């Protein structure tokens, strides 16, 4: 049986640790190489704005933008360095 969005979101929350804004800021200060990726759609970003220095890569395009095996023209060069810490920001929140 197919999983619902709510089930998939719950699985993601269980697998990926959430951090609150203060912790995210602390991590960014501790390691300036940390990249914040805002995976919300453009309409959501327009409504609330973005975290300073974050990059916008929608969830729908993140899969191929961060993939090292797709054609180079599909990739986002900012997402290619696997040694950089990454924090993602989405509408689901912590």
Protein backbone atom coordinates (compact mmCIF):
# COMPACT_ATOMS: atom_id res chain seq x y z
CA UNK A 1 0.00 0.00 0.00
CA UNK A 2 1.27 3.48 -0.85
CA UNK A 3 2.36 5.71 2.00
CA UNK A 4 0.64 9.02 2.58
CA UNK A 5 2.44 12.36 2.71
CA UNK A 6 1.92 12.44 6.48
CA UNK A 7 3.54 9.03 6.84
CA UNK A 8 6.50 10.01 4.67
CA UNK A 9 6.95 13.27 6.61
CA UNK A 10 6.89 11.36 9.90
CA UNK A 11 9.53 8.94 8.57
CA UNK A 12 11.72 11.83 7.46
CA UNK A 13 11.41 13.54 10.84
CA UNK A 14 12.42 10.29 12.57
CA UNK A 15 15.46 9.84 10.30
CA UNK A 16 16.73 13.42 10.06
CA UNK A 17 17.41 15.38 13.24
CA UNK A 18 15.61 18.71 13.44
CA UNK A 19 17.29 21.81 14.84
CA UNK A 20 15.65 24.98 16.04
CA UNK A 21 16.69 28.39 14.64
CA UNK A 22 19.12 29.08 17.51
CA UNK A 23 20.90 25.77 16.97
CA UNK A 24 21.06 26.37 13.22
CA UNK A 25 22.59 29.80 13.83
CA UNK A 26 25.10 28.32 16.29
CA UNK A 27 26.13 25.68 13.75
CA UNK A 28 26.50 28.30 11.02
CA UNK A 29 28.73 30.41 13.28
CA UNK A 30 30.74 27.40 14.40
CA UNK A 31 31.42 26.26 10.83
CA UNK A 32 31.13 29.05 8.23
CA UNK A 33 31.17 26.40 5.47
CA UNK A 34 27.68 25.33 6.59
CA UNK A 35 25.17 25.76 3.81
CA UNK A 36 21.48 26.40 4.44
CA UNK A 37 19.20 25.12 1.71
CA UNK A 38 15.64 26.44 1.65
CA UNK A 39 13.62 23.71 -0.08
CA UNK A 40 10.30 25.56 -0.02
CA UNK A 41 8.56 26.59 -3.22
CA UNK A 42 9.09 30.15 -4.51
CA UNK A 43 5.59 31.18 -3.44
CA UNK A 44 6.22 30.12 0.15
CA UNK A 45 9.54 31.96 0.20
CA UNK A 46 7.95 35.14 -1.14
CA UNK A 47 5.43 35.01 1.69
CA UNK A 48 7.93 34.76 4.55
CA UNK A 49 11.36 35.53 3.13
CA UNK A 50 14.54 33.50 3.40
CA UNK A 51 17.19 32.93 6.01
CA UNK A 52 20.13 35.25 5.29
CA UNK A 53 22.78 33.54 3.12
CA UNK A 54 20.51 30.54 2.43
CA UNK A 55 20.14 29.24 -1.09
CA UNK A 56 16.78 28.37 -2.60
CA UNK A 57 16.57 24.93 -4.18
CA UNK A 58 13.02 23.62 -4.27
CA UNK A 59 12.40 20.13 -2.92
CA UNK A 60 11.33 19.05 -6.38
CA UNK A 61 14.67 19.96 -7.95
CA UNK A 62 16.92 19.11 -4.99
CA UNK A 63 17.10 15.45 -6.00
CA UNK A 64 18.92 16.16 -9.24
CA UNK A 65 20.62 19.43 -8.22
CA UNK A 66 22.55 17.58 -5.51
CA UNK A 67 23.13 14.34 -7.45
CA UNK A 68 26.74 13.77 -8.50
CA UNK A 69 25.75 11.27 -11.18
CA UNK A 70 23.40 13.36 -13.33
CA UNK A 71 24.73 15.47 -16.21
CA UNK A 72 26.82 18.36 -14.93
CA UNK A 73 24.43 20.96 -16.33
CA UNK A 74 21.67 19.68 -14.04
CA UNK A 75 23.74 20.01 -10.87
CA UNK A 76 23.95 22.98 -8.54
CA UNK A 77 27.69 23.53 -7.93
CA UNK A 78 26.96 24.82 -4.40
CA UNK A 79 25.67 21.36 -3.46
CA UNK A 80 28.53 19.27 -4.80
CA UNK A 81 30.99 19.48 -1.88
CA UNK A 82 29.93 16.57 0.35
CA UNK A 83 32.25 17.72 3.15
CA UNK A 84 30.14 20.83 3.85
CA UNK A 85 27.58 20.63 6.65
CA UNK A 86 24.05 21.19 5.31
CA UNK A 87 20.93 22.45 7.06
CA UNK A 88 17.68 22.33 5.14
CA UNK A 89 14.71 24.56 5.81
CA UNK A 90 11.21 23.49 4.83
CA UNK A 91 7.62 24.34 5.64
CA UNK A 92 7.21 21.32 7.92
CA UNK A 93 9.45 22.90 10.55
CA UNK A 94 11.18 21.13 13.43
